[in-house]
């Protein structure tokens, strides 16, 4: 009798709510202290992380199929100004070198389209001269072709995996939904915590639903009309205890990466789009797309077809030795 009473109290909705609340209050201290949203002016690492997002935005802009000539000049000026401020505060010079390389490619890209980039180039040259920065070729865009990509898809995993890029320059040939289904079939053995398989996948192919989903997500302006399918990866909260609130994103993330590779294997162009939004935006998305209340969005994947010739952001990656520690 005591065990039944104890179990009933433990599973009571109000008791569980209190346990989650207490757990989140404890978690909020470290989240507040280390969040990239706080103390950016004093914390060099956080400022560098924020700059990295803005710099990559220029790279992403260059990789869009129908890009606006001269885009992002105001953003470029602010980045140059903040890079100088970062160096003054003792920030990483190699990071600045990488950033400057993207800015140089950005200037050349817009200049080749006929935009007047003299003022941006002058500001960049001043920064490079002042801090003796030599520009490396580690940013901008790659110009790729479908024939070469298709050959690499058939190769061993080391070549196959390195041939996948986030696409913002889609083709207009019809999407074969059977390939999407084949990719979903290939993901059935994705690992999950205690084999819970809690992912819930919503595939949208009707034009109005696809457009609505991308509009609500808000991160694909400039190329969302080229995508023919939206796949929303969600996690079912009913599979997890109060102390496992982050696990839906872990399991969902494993599934999403597996799905990205699977779609690539079947020759489909994809881009992962974040669902890391404020609660009120997530609530609106769930309402508008009629998602069950017990599901939490993890990632949105845009799917389309390849052009014969297309461009992608370089998105420079750090060597694994920069962030991997053995026995430490």
C-alpha atoms as a PDB file:
ATOM      1  CA  UNK A   1       0.000   0.000   0.000  1.00  0.00           C
ATOM      2  CA  UNK A   2       2.803   2.379   0.888  1.00  0.00           C
ATOM      3  CA  UNK A   3       4.561   1.665  -2.414  1.00  0.00           C
ATOM      4  CA  UNK A   4       1.384   2.397  -4.413  1.00  0.00           C
ATOM      5  CA  UNK A   5       0.868   5.660  -2.525  1.00  0.00           C
ATOM      6  CA  UNK A   6       4.495   6.617  -3.026  1.00  0.00           C
ATOM      7  CA  UNK A   7       4.244   5.879  -6.756  1.00  0.00           C
ATOM      8  CA  UNK A   8       0.986   7.852  -7.066  1.00  0.00           C
ATOM      9  CA  UNK A   9       2.511  10.891  -5.365  1.00  0.00           C
ATOM     10  CA  UNK A  10       5.648  10.623  -7.492  1.00  0.00           C
ATOM     11  CA  UNK A  11       3.599  10.561 -10.727  1.00  0.00           C
ATOM     12  CA  UNK A  12       1.180  13.312  -9.696  1.00  0.00           C
ATOM     13  CA  UNK A  13       1.092  16.066 -12.370  1.00  0.00           C
ATOM     14  CA  UNK A  14       1.565  18.860  -9.826  1.00  0.00           C
ATOM     15  CA  UNK A  15       4.484  17.046  -8.137  1.00  0.00           C
ATOM     16  CA  UNK A  16       6.156  16.429 -11.506  1.00  0.00           C
ATOM     17  CA  UNK A  17       5.617  20.104 -12.400  1.00  0.00           C
ATOM     18  CA  UNK A  18       7.358  21.145  -9.185  1.00  0.00           C
ATOM     19  CA  UNK A  19      10.245  18.744  -9.880  1.00  0.00           C
ATOM     20  CA  UNK A  20      10.688  20.107 -13.403  1.00  0.00           C
ATOM     21  CA  UNK A  21      10.496  23.674 -12.107  1.00  0.00           C
ATOM     22  CA  UNK A  22      13.105  23.007  -9.423  1.00  0.00           C
ATOM     23  CA  UNK A  23      15.348  21.259 -11.950  1.00  0.00           C
ATOM     24  CA  UNK A  24      15.044  24.133 -14.446  1.00  0.00           C
ATOM     25  CA  UNK A  25      15.774  26.751 -11.779  1.00  0.00           C
ATOM     26  CA  UNK A  26      19.013  24.932 -10.970  1.00  0.00           C
ATOM     27  CA  UNK A  27      19.867  24.592 -14.648  1.00  0.00           C
ATOM     28  CA  UNK A  28      19.119  28.272 -15.316  1.00  0.00           C
ATOM     29  CA  UNK A  29      22.076  29.429 -13.203  1.00  0.00           C
ATOM     30  CA  UNK A  30      24.669  27.845 -15.498  1.00  0.00           C
ATOM     31  CA  UNK A  31      22.621  28.729 -18.581  1.00  0.00           C
ATOM     32  CA  UNK A  32      22.536  32.380 -17.536  1.00  0.00           C
ATOM     33  CA  UNK A  33      26.225  32.460 -16.664  1.00  0.00           C
ATOM     34  CA  UNK A  34      27.472  30.782 -19.834  1.00  0.00           C
ATOM     35  CA  UNK A  35      24.794  31.774 -22.339  1.00  0.00           C
ATOM     36  CA  UNK A  36      26.098  33.552 -25.420  1.00  0.00           C
ATOM     37  CA  UNK A  37      23.411  36.185 -24.847  1.00  0.00           C
ATOM     38  CA  UNK A  38      25.147  37.637 -21.763  1.00  0.00           C
ATOM     39  CA  UNK A  39      28.346  39.660 -21.248  1.00  0.00           C
ATOM     40  CA  UNK A  40      29.396  39.709 -24.910  1.00  0.00           C
ATOM     41  CA  UNK A  41      31.261  42.968 -24.382  1.00  0.00           C
ATOM     42  CA  UNK A  42      33.441  41.407 -21.667  1.00  0.00           C
ATOM     43  CA  UNK A  43      33.656  37.757 -22.713  1.00  0.00           C
ATOM     44  CA  UNK A  44      35.860  37.485 -25.821  1.00  0.00           C
ATOM     45  CA  UNK A  45      34.773  33.914 -26.591  1.00  0.00           C
ATOM     46  CA  UNK A  46      31.082  34.870 -26.589  1.00  0.00           C
ATOM     47  CA  UNK A  47      31.741  37.895 -28.787  1.00  0.00           C
ATOM     48  CA  UNK A  48      33.700  35.724 -31.204  1.00  0.00           C
ATOM     49  CA  UNK A  49      30.841  33.212 -31.351  1.00  0.00           C
ATOM     50  CA  UNK A  50      28.358  35.995 -32.112  1.00  0.00           C
ATOM     51  CA  UNK A  51      30.638  37.333 -34.837  1.00  0.00           C
ATOM     52  CA  UNK A  52      30.952  33.875 -36.354  1.00  0.00           C
ATOM     53  CA  UNK A  53      27.176  33.741 -36.852  1.00  0.00           C
ATOM     54  CA  UNK A  54      27.131  37.126 -38.580  1.00  0.00           C
ATOM     55  CA  UNK A  55      30.107  36.299 -40.801  1.00  0.00           C
ATOM     56  CA  UNK A  56      28.530  33.023 -41.872  1.00  0.00           C
ATOM     57  CA  UNK A  57      25.394  34.994 -42.803  1.00  0.00           C
ATOM     58  CA  UNK A  58      27.437  36.697 -45.548  1.00  0.00           C
ATOM     59  CA  UNK A  59      28.666  33.309 -46.743  1.00  0.00           C
ATOM     60  CA  UNK A  60      25.133  31.954 -46.781  1.00  0.00           C
ATOM     61  CA  UNK A  61      24.002  35.000 -48.739  1.00  0.00           C
ATOM     62  CA  UNK A  62      26.546  34.246 -51.459  1.00  0.00           C
ATOM     63  CA  UNK A  63      25.310  30.651 -51.748  1.00  0.00           C
ATOM     64  CA  UNK A  64      21.661  31.568 -52.452  1.00  0.00           C
ATOM     65  CA  UNK A  65      20.527  30.887 -56.012  1.00  0.00           C
ATOM     66  CA  UNK A  66      18.867  34.243 -56.678  1.00  0.00           C
ATOM     67  CA  UNK A  67      20.981  36.615 -54.608  1.00  0.00           C
ATOM     68  CA  UNK A  68      20.440  40.364 -54.399  1.00  0.00           C
ATOM     69  CA  UNK A  69      23.319  42.378 -55.870  1.00  0.00           C
ATOM     70  CA  UNK A  70      25.233  44.290 -53.183  1.00  0.00           C
ATOM     71  CA  UNK A  71      23.509  42.529 -50.274  1.00  0.00           C
ATOM     72  CA  UNK A  72      24.749  42.889 -46.690  1.00  0.00           C
ATOM     73  CA  UNK A  73      26.939  46.026 -46.874  1.00  0.00           C
ATOM     74  CA  UNK A  74      25.766  47.374 -43.531  1.00  0.00           C
ATOM     75  CA  UNK A  75      26.404  43.979 -41.925  1.00  0.00           C
ATOM     76  CA  UNK A  76      29.901  43.855 -43.480  1.00  0.00           C
ATOM     77  CA  UNK A  77      30.829  47.284 -42.068  1.00  0.00           C
ATOM     78  CA  UNK A  78      29.659  46.328 -38.572  1.00  0.00           C
ATOM     79  CA  UNK A  79      31.631  43.055 -38.737  1.00  0.00           C
ATOM     80  CA  UNK A  80      34.834  44.864 -39.711  1.00  0.00           C
ATOM     81  CA  UNK A  81      34.354  47.303 -36.843  1.00  0.00           C
ATOM     82  CA  UNK A  82      33.722  44.481 -34.345  1.00  0.00           C
ATOM     83  CA  UNK A  83      36.708  42.453 -35.587  1.00  0.00           C
ATOM     84  CA  UNK A  84      38.963  45.407 -34.798  1.00  0.00           C
ATOM     85  CA  UNK A  85      37.379  45.712 -31.362  1.00  0.00           C
ATOM     86  CA  UNK A  86      37.937  41.974 -30.826  1.00  0.00           C
ATOM     87  CA  UNK A  87      41.649  42.309 -31.600  1.00  0.00           C
ATOM     88  CA  UNK A  88      41.968  45.287 -29.265  1.00  0.00           C
ATOM     89  CA  UNK A  89      40.589  43.130 -26.449  1.00  0.00           C
ATOM     90  CA  UNK A  90      42.991  40.264 -27.136  1.00  0.00           C
ATOM     91  CA  UNK A  91      40.779  38.125 -29.357  1.00  0.00           C
ATOM     92  CA  UNK A  92      42.028  35.316 -31.572  1.00  0.00           C
ATOM     93  CA  UNK A  93      43.957  36.590 -34.574  1.00  0.00           C
ATOM     94  CA  UNK A  94      43.531  33.296 -36.515  1.00  0.00           C
ATOM     95  CA  UNK A  95      39.764  33.744 -36.142  1.00  0.00           C
ATOM     96  CA  UNK A  96      40.038  37.277 -37.505  1.00  0.00           C
ATOM     97  CA  UNK A  97      42.133  36.009 -40.433  1.00  0.00           C
ATOM     98  CA  UNK A  98      39.405  33.478 -41.287  1.00  0.00           C
ATOM     99  CA  UNK A  99      36.744  36.182 -40.989  1.00  0.00           C
ATOM    100  CA  UNK A 100      38.660  38.592 -43.175  1.00  0.00           C
ATOM    101  CA  UNK A 101      38.956  35.865 -45.820  1.00  0.00           C
ATOM    102  CA  UNK A 102      35.163  35.544 -45.949  1.00  0.00           C
ATOM    103  CA  UNK A 103      34.828  39.328 -46.182  1.00  0.00           C
ATOM    104  CA  UNK A 104      37.302  39.444 -49.080  1.00  0.00           C
ATOM    105  CA  UNK A 105      35.347  36.740 -50.953  1.00  0.00           C
ATOM    106  CA  UNK A 106      32.156  38.678 -50.191  1.00  0.00           C
ATOM    107  CA  UNK A 107      33.612  41.862 -51.720  1.00  0.00           C
ATOM    108  CA  UNK A 108      34.809  40.001 -54.819  1.00  0.00           C
ATOM    109  CA  UNK A 109      31.470  38.194 -55.201  1.00  0.00           C
ATOM    110  CA  UNK A 110      29.423  41.399 -55.161  1.00  0.00           C
ATOM    111  CA  UNK A 111      31.987  43.270 -57.242  1.00  0.00           C
ATOM    112  CA  UNK A 112      31.733  40.624 -59.971  1.00  0.00           C
ATOM    113  CA  UNK A 113      27.969  41.207 -60.063  1.00  0.00           C
ATOM    114  CA  UNK A 114      28.475  44.939 -60.586  1.00  0.00           C
ATOM    115  CA  UNK A 115      28.038  46.253 -57.034  1.00  0.00           C
ATOM    116  CA  UNK A 116      30.175  49.176 -55.821  1.00  0.00           C
ATOM    117  CA  UNK A 117      32.201  47.682 -52.958  1.00  0.00           C
ATOM    118  CA  UNK A 118      34.989  50.292 -52.771  1.00  0.00           C
ATOM    119  CA  UNK A 119      33.932  51.621 -49.354  1.00  0.00           C
ATOM    120  CA  UNK A 120      33.773  48.126 -47.807  1.00  0.00           C
ATOM    121  CA  UNK A 121      37.106  47.154 -49.373  1.00  0.00           C
ATOM    122  CA  UNK A 122      38.723  50.334 -48.032  1.00  0.00           C
ATOM    123  CA  UNK A 123      37.546  49.553 -44.497  1.00  0.00           C
ATOM    124  CA  UNK A 124      38.763  45.954 -44.781  1.00  0.00           C
ATOM    125  CA  UNK A 125      42.176  46.968 -46.161  1.00  0.00           C
ATOM    126  CA  UNK A 126      42.580  49.418 -43.279  1.00  0.00           C
ATOM    127  CA  UNK A 127      41.936  46.636 -40.758  1.00  0.00           C
ATOM    128  CA  UNK A 128      44.379  44.282 -42.491  1.00  0.00           C
ATOM    129  CA  UNK A 129      47.089  46.957 -42.675  1.00  0.00           C
ATOM    130  CA  UNK A 130      46.622  48.035 -39.073  1.00  0.00           C
ATOM    131  CA  UNK A 131      47.003  44.498 -37.685  1.00  0.00           C
ATOM    132  CA  UNK A 132      49.238  42.961 -40.373  1.00  0.00           C
ATOM    133  CA  UNK A 133      46.602  40.454 -41.494  1.00  0.00           C
ATOM    134  CA  UNK A 134      47.232  38.313 -44.547  1.00  0.00           C
ATOM    135  CA  UNK A 135      44.128  37.003 -46.258  1.00  0.00           C
ATOM    136  CA  UNK A 136      43.796  33.214 -46.669  1.00  0.00           C
ATOM    137  CA  UNK A 137      41.466  31.406 -49.041  1.00  0.00           C
ATOM    138  CA  UNK A 138      39.225  29.725 -46.451  1.00  0.00           C
ATOM    139  CA  UNK A 139      35.837  31.315 -47.055  1.00  0.00           C
ATOM    140  CA  UNK A 140      33.202  32.228 -49.593  1.00  0.00           C
ATOM    141  CA  UNK A 141      31.555  29.685 -51.884  1.00  0.00           C
ATOM    142  CA  UNK A 142      32.360  26.529 -53.814  1.00  0.00           C
ATOM    143  CA  UNK A 143      31.037  26.107 -57.346  1.00  0.00           C
ATOM    144  CA  UNK A 144      30.025  22.452 -57.678  1.00  0.00           C
ATOM    145  CA  UNK A 145      28.427  20.266 -60.324  1.00  0.00           C
ATOM    146  CA  UNK A 146      25.916  17.456 -60.028  1.00  0.00           C
ATOM    147  CA  UNK A 147      27.927  14.950 -62.081  1.00  0.00           C
ATOM    148  CA  UNK A 148      30.875  15.119 -59.673  1.00  0.00           C
ATOM    149  CA  UNK A 149      28.579  15.001 -56.626  1.00  0.00           C
ATOM    150  CA  UNK A 150      26.733  11.967 -57.998  1.00  0.00           C
ATOM    151  CA  UNK A 151      30.028  10.130 -58.447  1.00  0.00           C
ATOM    152  CA  UNK A 152      31.057  10.842 -54.846  1.00  0.00           C
ATOM    153  CA  UNK A 153      27.697   9.624 -53.540  1.00  0.00           C
ATOM    154  CA  UNK A 154      28.609   6.186 -54.871  1.00  0.00           C
ATOM    155  CA  UNK A 155      32.026   6.196 -53.176  1.00  0.00           C
ATOM    156  CA  UNK A 156      33.137   5.016 -49.724  1.00  0.00           C
ATOM    157  CA  UNK A 157      31.784   6.860 -46.682  1.00  0.00           C
ATOM    158  CA  UNK A 158      34.828   9.132 -46.280  1.00  0.00           C
ATOM    159  CA  UNK A 159      34.207  10.673 -49.718  1.00  0.00           C
ATOM    160  CA  UNK A 160      30.409  10.385 -49.544  1.00  0.00           C
ATOM    161  CA  UNK A 161      30.124  12.242 -46.223  1.00  0.00           C
ATOM    162  CA  UNK A 162      32.405  15.059 -47.358  1.00  0.00           C
ATOM    163  CA  UNK A 163      30.311  15.619 -50.485  1.00  0.00           C
ATOM    164  CA  UNK A 164      27.205  16.686 -48.531  1.00  0.00           C
ATOM    165  CA  UNK A 165      26.628  20.429 -48.217  1.00  0.00           C
ATOM    166  CA  UNK A 166      23.712  22.569 -47.125  1.00  0.00           C
ATOM    167  CA  UNK A 167      22.017  23.707 -50.334  1.00  0.00           C
ATOM    168  CA  UNK A 168      20.485  27.147 -50.923  1.00  0.00           C
ATOM    169  CA  UNK A 169      20.758  26.986 -54.701  1.00  0.00           C
ATOM    170  CA  UNK A 170      18.156  24.365 -55.677  1.00  0.00           C
ATOM    171  CA  UNK A 171      17.148  23.068 -59.091  1.00  0.00           C
ATOM    172  CA  UNK A 172      13.642  23.068 -60.572  1.00  0.00           C
ATOM    173  CA  UNK A 173      13.321  19.433 -61.690  1.00  0.00           C
ATOM    174  CA  UNK A 174      10.423  17.585 -59.972  1.00  0.00           C
ATOM    175  CA  UNK A 175      11.100  15.925 -56.640  1.00  0.00           C
ATOM    176  CA  UNK A 176      10.717  12.136 -56.573  1.00  0.00           C
ATOM    177  CA  UNK A 177       8.780  11.447 -53.365  1.00  0.00           C
ATOM    178  CA  UNK A 178       9.736   7.764 -53.591  1.00  0.00           C
ATOM    179  CA  UNK A 179      13.335   8.794 -52.900  1.00  0.00           C
ATOM    180  CA  UNK A 180      12.178  10.630 -49.783  1.00  0.00           C
ATOM    181  CA  UNK A 181      10.371   7.484 -48.618  1.00  0.00           C
ATOM    182  CA  UNK A 182      13.459   5.374 -49.363  1.00  0.00           C
ATOM    183  CA  UNK A 183      15.561   7.744 -47.233  1.00  0.00           C
ATOM    184  CA  UNK A 184      13.034   7.520 -44.386  1.00  0.00           C
ATOM    185  CA  UNK A 185      13.165   3.727 -44.648  1.00  0.00           C
ATOM    186  CA  UNK A 186      16.958   3.860 -44.392  1.00  0.00           C
ATOM    187  CA  UNK A 187      16.678   5.773 -41.088  1.00  0.00           C
ATOM    188  CA  UNK A 188      14.691   3.134 -39.257  1.00  0.00           C
ATOM    189  CA  UNK A 189      17.757   1.855 -37.404  1.00  0.00           C
ATOM    190  CA  UNK A 190      18.774   5.229 -35.999  1.00  0.00           C
ATOM    191  CA  UNK A 191      19.896   4.766 -32.357  1.00  0.00           C
ATOM    192  CA  UNK A 192      17.986   6.365 -29.486  1.00  0.00           C
ATOM    193  CA  UNK A 193      18.084   6.397 -25.687  1.00  0.00           C
ATOM    194  CA  UNK A 194      16.914   2.972 -24.464  1.00  0.00           C
ATOM    195  CA  UNK A 195      15.552   2.315 -27.978  1.00  0.00           C
ATOM    196  CA  UNK A 196      12.660   4.701 -27.359  1.00  0.00           C
ATOM    197  CA  UNK A 197      12.501   5.782 -31.030  1.00  0.00           C
ATOM    198  CA  UNK A 198      10.623   8.882 -29.927  1.00  0.00           C
ATOM    199  CA  UNK A 199      11.033  10.840 -33.147  1.00  0.00           C
ATOM    200  CA  UNK A 200       7.863  11.894 -34.925  1.00  0.00           C
ATOM    201  CA  UNK A 201       8.370  12.987 -38.540  1.00  0.00           C
ATOM    202  CA  UNK A 202       6.047  15.332 -40.446  1.00  0.00           C
ATOM    203  CA  UNK A 203       6.586  15.377 -44.216  1.00  0.00           C
ATOM    204  CA  UNK A 204       4.977  18.218 -46.153  1.00  0.00           C
ATOM    205  CA  UNK A 205       4.781  18.055 -49.962  1.00  0.00           C
ATOM    206  CA  UNK A 206       1.662  20.128 -50.721  1.00  0.00           C
ATOM    207  CA  UNK A 207       2.766  23.565 -51.935  1.00  0.00           C
ATOM    208  CA  UNK A 208       0.693  25.575 -49.454  1.00  0.00           C
ATOM    209  CA  UNK A 209       1.894  23.539 -46.464  1.00  0.00           C
ATOM    210  CA  UNK A 210       5.533  23.642 -47.608  1.00  0.00           C
ATOM    211  CA  UNK A 211       5.381  27.432 -48.035  1.00  0.00           C
ATOM    212  CA  UNK A 212       3.633  27.845 -44.681  1.00  0.00           C
ATOM    213  CA  UNK A 213       6.189  25.726 -42.819  1.00  0.00           C
ATOM    214  CA  UNK A 214       9.173  27.623 -44.235  1.00  0.00           C
ATOM    215  CA  UNK A 215       7.516  30.978 -43.580  1.00  0.00           C
ATOM    216  CA  UNK A 216       6.886  30.064 -39.942  1.00  0.00           C
ATOM    217  CA  UNK A 217      10.463  28.837 -39.482  1.00  0.00           C
ATOM    218  CA  UNK A 218      11.733  32.116 -40.955  1.00  0.00           C
ATOM    219  CA  UNK A 219      15.311  31.124 -41.809  1.00  0.00           C
ATOM    220  CA  UNK A 220      15.115  30.433 -45.532  1.00  0.00           C
ATOM    221  CA  UNK A 221      14.159  33.768 -47.059  1.00  0.00           C
ATOM    222  CA  UNK A 222      15.567  34.156 -50.524  1.00  0.00           C
ATOM    223  CA  UNK A 223      15.445  30.477 -51.447  1.00  0.00           C
ATOM    224  CA  UNK A 224      12.426  28.856 -49.742  1.00  0.00           C
ATOM    225  CA  UNK A 225      10.360  28.887 -52.953  1.00  0.00           C
ATOM    226  CA  UNK A 226      12.887  26.559 -54.594  1.00  0.00           C
ATOM    227  CA  UNK A 227      12.340  23.775 -52.037  1.00  0.00           C
ATOM    228  CA  UNK A 228       9.633  21.248 -52.815  1.00  0.00           C
ATOM    229  CA  UNK A 229       9.404  19.389 -49.523  1.00  0.00           C
ATOM    230  CA  UNK A 230       9.667  20.213 -45.816  1.00  0.00           C
ATOM    231  CA  UNK A 231      10.466  17.526 -43.248  1.00  0.00           C
ATOM    232  CA  UNK A 232       9.933  18.466 -39.620  1.00  0.00           C
ATOM    233  CA  UNK A 233      11.684  16.233 -37.085  1.00  0.00           C
ATOM    234  CA  UNK A 234       9.951  16.273 -33.687  1.00  0.00           C
ATOM    235  CA  UNK A 235      10.403  14.444 -30.398  1.00  0.00           C
ATOM    236  CA  UNK A 236       7.575  12.912 -28.364  1.00  0.00           C
ATOM    237  CA  UNK A 237       7.844  14.203 -24.777  1.00  0.00           C
ATOM    238  CA  UNK A 238       5.796  11.297 -23.457  1.00  0.00           C
ATOM    239  CA  UNK A 239       8.857   9.059 -23.833  1.00  0.00           C
ATOM    240  CA  UNK A 240      10.945  10.942 -21.263  1.00  0.00           C
ATOM    241  CA  UNK A 241      11.045  11.575 -17.518  1.00  0.00           C
ATOM    242  CA  UNK A 242      11.221  15.025 -15.931  1.00  0.00           C
ATOM    243  CA  UNK A 243      15.031  14.798 -15.692  1.00  0.00           C
ATOM    244  CA  UNK A 244      15.370  13.946 -19.418  1.00  0.00           C
ATOM    245  CA  UNK A 245      14.012  17.133 -20.961  1.00  0.00           C
ATOM    246  CA  UNK A 246      17.008  17.495 -23.302  1.00  0.00           C
ATOM    247  CA  UNK A 247      16.923  13.921 -24.601  1.00  0.00           C
ATOM    248  CA  UNK A 248      14.243  14.551 -27.296  1.00  0.00           C
ATOM    249  CA  UNK A 249      16.741  16.891 -28.967  1.00  0.00           C
ATOM    250  CA  UNK A 250      19.566  14.350 -28.667  1.00  0.00           C
ATOM    251  CA  UNK A 251      17.507  11.508 -30.139  1.00  0.00           C
ATOM    252  CA  UNK A 252      15.921  13.809 -32.699  1.00  0.00           C
ATOM    253  CA  UNK A 253      19.318  15.199 -33.670  1.00  0.00           C
ATOM    254  CA  UNK A 254      20.679  11.690 -34.258  1.00  0.00           C
ATOM    255  CA  UNK A 255      17.712  10.919 -36.482  1.00  0.00           C
ATOM    256  CA  UNK A 256      17.976  14.221 -38.356  1.00  0.00           C
ATOM    257  CA  UNK A 257      21.665  13.754 -39.249  1.00  0.00           C
ATOM    258  CA  UNK A 258      20.962  10.201 -40.344  1.00  0.00           C
ATOM    259  CA  UNK A 259      18.125  11.507 -42.517  1.00  0.00           C
ATOM    260  CA  UNK A 260      20.320  14.206 -44.076  1.00  0.00           C
ATOM    261  CA  UNK A 261      22.852  11.555 -45.104  1.00  0.00           C
ATOM    262  CA  UNK A 262      20.082   9.237 -46.357  1.00  0.00           C
ATOM    263  CA  UNK A 263      18.488  11.937 -48.500  1.00  0.00           C
ATOM    264  CA  UNK A 264      21.913  12.784 -49.879  1.00  0.00           C
ATOM    265  CA  UNK A 265      22.487   9.093 -50.649  1.00  0.00           C
ATOM    266  CA  UNK A 266      19.381   9.144 -52.838  1.00  0.00           C
ATOM    267  CA  UNK A 267      20.583  12.248 -54.673  1.00  0.00           C
ATOM    268  CA  UNK A 268      18.352  14.864 -53.058  1.00  0.00           C
ATOM    269  CA  UNK A 269      19.478  18.381 -52.127  1.00  0.00           C
ATOM    270  CA  UNK A 270      18.861  19.357 -48.498  1.00  0.00           C
ATOM    271  CA  UNK A 271      19.391  22.032 -45.890  1.00  0.00           C
ATOM    272  CA  UNK A 272      18.893  21.741 -42.096  1.00  0.00           C
ATOM    273  CA  UNK A 273      17.000  24.711 -40.643  1.00  0.00           C
ATOM    274  CA  UNK A 274      17.038  25.415 -36.906  1.00  0.00           C
ATOM    275  CA  UNK A 275      13.975  25.156 -34.716  1.00  0.00           C
ATOM    276  CA  UNK A 276      15.773  26.912 -31.861  1.00  0.00           C
ATOM    277  CA  UNK A 277      13.140  29.606 -31.394  1.00  0.00           C
ATOM    278  CA  UNK A 278      11.504  31.338 -28.450  1.00  0.00           C
ATOM    279  CA  UNK A 279       8.652  29.476 -26.813  1.00  0.00           C
ATOM    280  CA  UNK A 280       5.957  31.763 -28.255  1.00  0.00           C
ATOM    281  CA  UNK A 281       7.204  31.131 -31.822  1.00  0.00           C
ATOM    282  CA  UNK A 282       7.309  27.368 -31.267  1.00  0.00           C
ATOM    283  CA  UNK A 283       3.784  27.576 -29.861  1.00  0.00           C
ATOM    284  CA  UNK A 284       2.609  29.399 -32.990  1.00  0.00           C
ATOM    285  CA  UNK A 285       4.285  26.844 -35.266  1.00  0.00           C
ATOM    286  CA  UNK A 286       2.638  23.964 -33.408  1.00  0.00           C
ATOM    287  CA  UNK A 287      -0.750  25.655 -33.635  1.00  0.00           C
ATOM    288  CA  UNK A 288      -0.472  26.639 -37.300  1.00  0.00           C
ATOM    289  CA  UNK A 289       0.850  23.225 -38.404  1.00  0.00           C
ATOM    290  CA  UNK A 290      -1.554  21.356 -36.072  1.00  0.00           C
ATOM    291  CA  UNK A 291       1.188  19.473 -34.265  1.00  0.00           C
ATOM    292  CA  UNK A 292       0.276  17.416 -31.173  1.00  0.00           C
ATOM    293  CA  UNK A 293       0.938  19.294 -27.949  1.00  0.00           C
ATOM    294  CA  UNK A 294       3.183  16.480 -26.663  1.00  0.00           C
ATOM    295  CA  UNK A 295       5.630  16.896 -29.566  1.00  0.00           C
ATOM    296  CA  UNK A 296       8.591  19.289 -29.573  1.00  0.00           C
ATOM    297  CA  UNK A 297      10.131  20.466 -32.892  1.00  0.00           C
ATOM    298  CA  UNK A 298      13.815  19.526 -33.181  1.00  0.00           C
ATOM    299  CA  UNK A 299      14.852  20.371 -36.751  1.00  0.00           C
ATOM    300  CA  UNK A 300      13.326  21.342 -40.089  1.00  0.00           C
ATOM    301  CA  UNK A 301      14.877  19.915 -43.268  1.00  0.00           C
ATOM    302  CA  UNK A 302      14.278  21.595 -46.615  1.00  0.00           C
ATOM    303  CA  UNK A 303      14.405  19.189 -49.560  1.00  0.00           C
ATOM    304  CA  UNK A 304      14.694  19.810 -53.281  1.00  0.00           C
ATOM    305  CA  UNK A 305      16.619  18.788 -56.362  1.00  0.00           C
ATOM    306  CA  UNK A 306      20.093  19.699 -57.575  1.00  0.00           C
ATOM    307  CA  UNK A 307      21.019  22.011 -60.417  1.00  0.00           C
ATOM    308  CA  UNK A 308      23.578  20.717 -62.911  1.00  0.00           C
ATOM    309  CA  UNK A 309      25.859  23.475 -61.590  1.00  0.00           C
ATOM    310  CA  UNK A 310      25.289  24.954 -58.146  1.00  0.00           C
ATOM    311  CA  UNK A 311      27.053  26.853 -55.378  1.00  0.00           C
ATOM    312  CA  UNK A 312      27.415  26.226 -51.653  1.00  0.00           C
ATOM    313  CA  UNK A 313      28.927  28.079 -48.706  1.00  0.00           C
ATOM    314  CA  UNK A 314      32.494  26.986 -47.881  1.00  0.00           C
ATOM    315  CA  UNK A 315      31.705  27.013 -44.146  1.00  0.00           C
ATOM    316  CA  UNK A 316      35.306  26.471 -43.014  1.00  0.00           C
ATOM    317  CA  UNK A 317      35.641  23.656 -40.478  1.00  0.00           C
ATOM    318  CA  UNK A 318      38.205  23.437 -37.697  1.00  0.00           C
ATOM    319  CA  UNK A 319      40.528  20.444 -37.502  1.00  0.00           C
ATOM    320  CA  UNK A 320      39.376  17.863 -34.948  1.00  0.00           C
ATOM    321  CA  UNK A 321      42.604  18.377 -32.982  1.00  0.00           C
ATOM    322  CA  UNK A 322      41.389  21.907 -32.140  1.00  0.00           C
ATOM    323  CA  UNK A 323      38.515  20.625 -30.003  1.00  0.00           C
ATOM    324  CA  UNK A 324      39.176  16.954 -29.189  1.00  0.00           C
ATOM    325  CA  UNK A 325      40.913  15.990 -25.951  1.00  0.00           C
ATOM    326  CA  UNK A 326      42.173  12.480 -25.211  1.00  0.00           C
ATOM    327  CA  UNK A 327      42.301  11.380 -21.557  1.00  0.00           C
ATOM    328  CA  UNK A 328      41.777  14.916 -20.269  1.00  0.00           C
END
